[in-house]
């Protein structure tokens, strides 16, 4: 049986964390509730439950998108720092400076 109260609380907490861009809290919530999130299934009898699940899915997608955007930005910064470090090491004036 689906725990609607838990799903509503999780959805609200995830939405607040997404609005605050609190990455650590988003990751913690998703890690702690991983089994519960994957156990969600639509109900053929109750459209109200389906609506709650749809709202959670939208909040979860926005949180996931925030994490993806952060990951891409970090990858870009890592690439730039690696590129800069390689460029500096090829400059002979720095290598032979006293």
Protein backbone atom coordinates (compact mmCIF):
# COMPACT_ATOMS: atom_id res chain seq x y z
CA UNK A 1 0.00 0.00 0.00
CA UNK A 2 1.27 3.44 -0.95
CA UNK A 3 2.00 5.78 1.94
CA UNK A 4 0.47 9.06 0.66
CA UNK A 5 1.52 11.03 3.74
CA UNK A 6 5.17 10.03 3.29
CA UNK A 7 5.02 10.82 -0.42
CA UNK A 8 3.52 14.26 0.25
CA UNK A 9 6.14 15.07 2.90
CA UNK A 10 8.95 13.87 0.64
CA UNK A 11 7.61 15.91 -2.25
CA UNK A 12 7.38 19.06 -0.11
CA UNK A 13 10.90 18.58 1.29
CA UNK A 14 12.31 17.95 -2.17
CA UNK A 15 10.58 21.02 -3.57
CA UNK A 16 11.96 23.25 -0.80
CA UNK A 17 15.47 21.85 -1.32
CA UNK A 18 15.19 22.40 -5.06
CA UNK A 19 14.04 26.00 -4.62
CA UNK A 20 16.91 26.65 -2.20
CA UNK A 21 19.32 24.81 -4.52
CA UNK A 22 20.47 22.72 -1.54
CA UNK A 23 22.28 19.96 -3.43
CA UNK A 24 23.35 18.05 -0.32
CA UNK A 25 19.79 17.88 0.99
CA UNK A 26 18.45 16.74 -2.40
CA UNK A 27 21.03 13.96 -2.58
CA UNK A 28 20.31 12.92 1.01
CA UNK A 29 16.55 12.80 0.47
CA UNK A 30 16.89 10.77 -2.71
CA UNK A 31 19.41 8.36 -1.18
CA UNK A 32 17.34 7.76 1.96
CA UNK A 33 14.11 7.24 0.01
CA UNK A 34 15.50 5.40 -3.00
CA UNK A 35 13.53 2.19 -2.41
CA UNK A 36 10.34 4.11 -1.76
CA UNK A 37 10.73 6.21 -4.92
CA UNK A 38 11.28 3.14 -7.11
CA UNK A 39 8.29 1.40 -5.56
CA UNK A 40 5.82 4.05 -6.76
CA UNK A 41 3.23 2.71 -9.17
CA UNK A 42 0.09 4.38 -10.51
CA UNK A 43 -3.24 3.30 -9.13
CA UNK A 44 -5.97 2.13 -11.49
CA UNK A 45 -8.66 2.82 -8.89
CA UNK A 46 -7.81 6.16 -7.32
CA UNK A 47 -7.08 9.20 -9.55
CA UNK A 48 -6.18 11.27 -6.46
CA UNK A 49 -3.19 9.01 -5.77
CA UNK A 50 -2.14 9.33 -9.39
CA UNK A 51 -2.24 13.11 -9.11
CA UNK A 52 0.00 13.05 -6.01
CA UNK A 53 2.43 10.76 -7.83
CA UNK A 54 2.46 13.07 -10.88
CA UNK A 55 3.23 16.07 -8.69
CA UNK A 56 6.07 14.17 -7.03
CA UNK A 57 7.44 13.16 -10.42
CA UNK A 58 7.55 16.79 -11.55
CA UNK A 59 9.36 17.86 -8.38
CA UNK A 60 11.78 14.93 -8.70
CA UNK A 61 12.50 15.80 -12.34
CA UNK A 62 13.30 19.41 -11.45
CA UNK A 63 15.63 18.23 -8.66
CA UNK A 64 17.31 15.78 -11.04
CA UNK A 65 17.74 18.53 -13.64
CA UNK A 66 19.36 20.78 -11.03
CA UNK A 67 21.83 18.01 -10.17
CA UNK A 68 22.59 17.42 -13.87
CA UNK A 69 23.19 21.14 -14.47
CA UNK A 70 25.53 21.30 -11.49
CA UNK A 71 27.40 18.23 -12.73
CA UNK A 72 27.85 19.73 -16.19
CA UNK A 73 29.12 23.00 -14.70
CA UNK A 74 31.61 21.14 -12.51
CA UNK A 75 32.82 19.12 -15.52
CA UNK A 76 33.28 22.34 -17.49
CA UNK A 77 35.27 23.96 -14.67
CA UNK A 78 37.41 20.84 -14.27
CA UNK A 79 38.14 20.83 -18.00
CA UNK A 80 39.10 24.52 -17.90
CA UNK A 81 41.41 24.08 -14.92
CA UNK A 82 43.06 21.04 -16.53
CA UNK A 83 43.44 22.93 -19.81
CA UNK A 84 44.95 25.93 -18.02
CA UNK A 85 47.34 23.75 -16.00
CA UNK A 86 48.54 21.99 -19.16
CA UNK A 87 48.98 25.35 -20.90
CA UNK A 88 51.09 26.70 -18.03
CA UNK A 89 53.30 23.60 -17.91
CA UNK A 90 54.10 23.96 -21.64
CA UNK A 91 55.26 27.55 -21.15
CA UNK A 92 59.05 27.31 -20.95
CA UNK A 93 59.48 30.63 -19.12
CA UNK A 94 57.69 29.30 -16.05
CA UNK A 95 59.45 25.94 -16.18
CA UNK A 96 62.96 27.47 -16.16
CA UNK A 97 62.26 30.49 -13.98
CA UNK A 98 64.47 31.04 -10.96
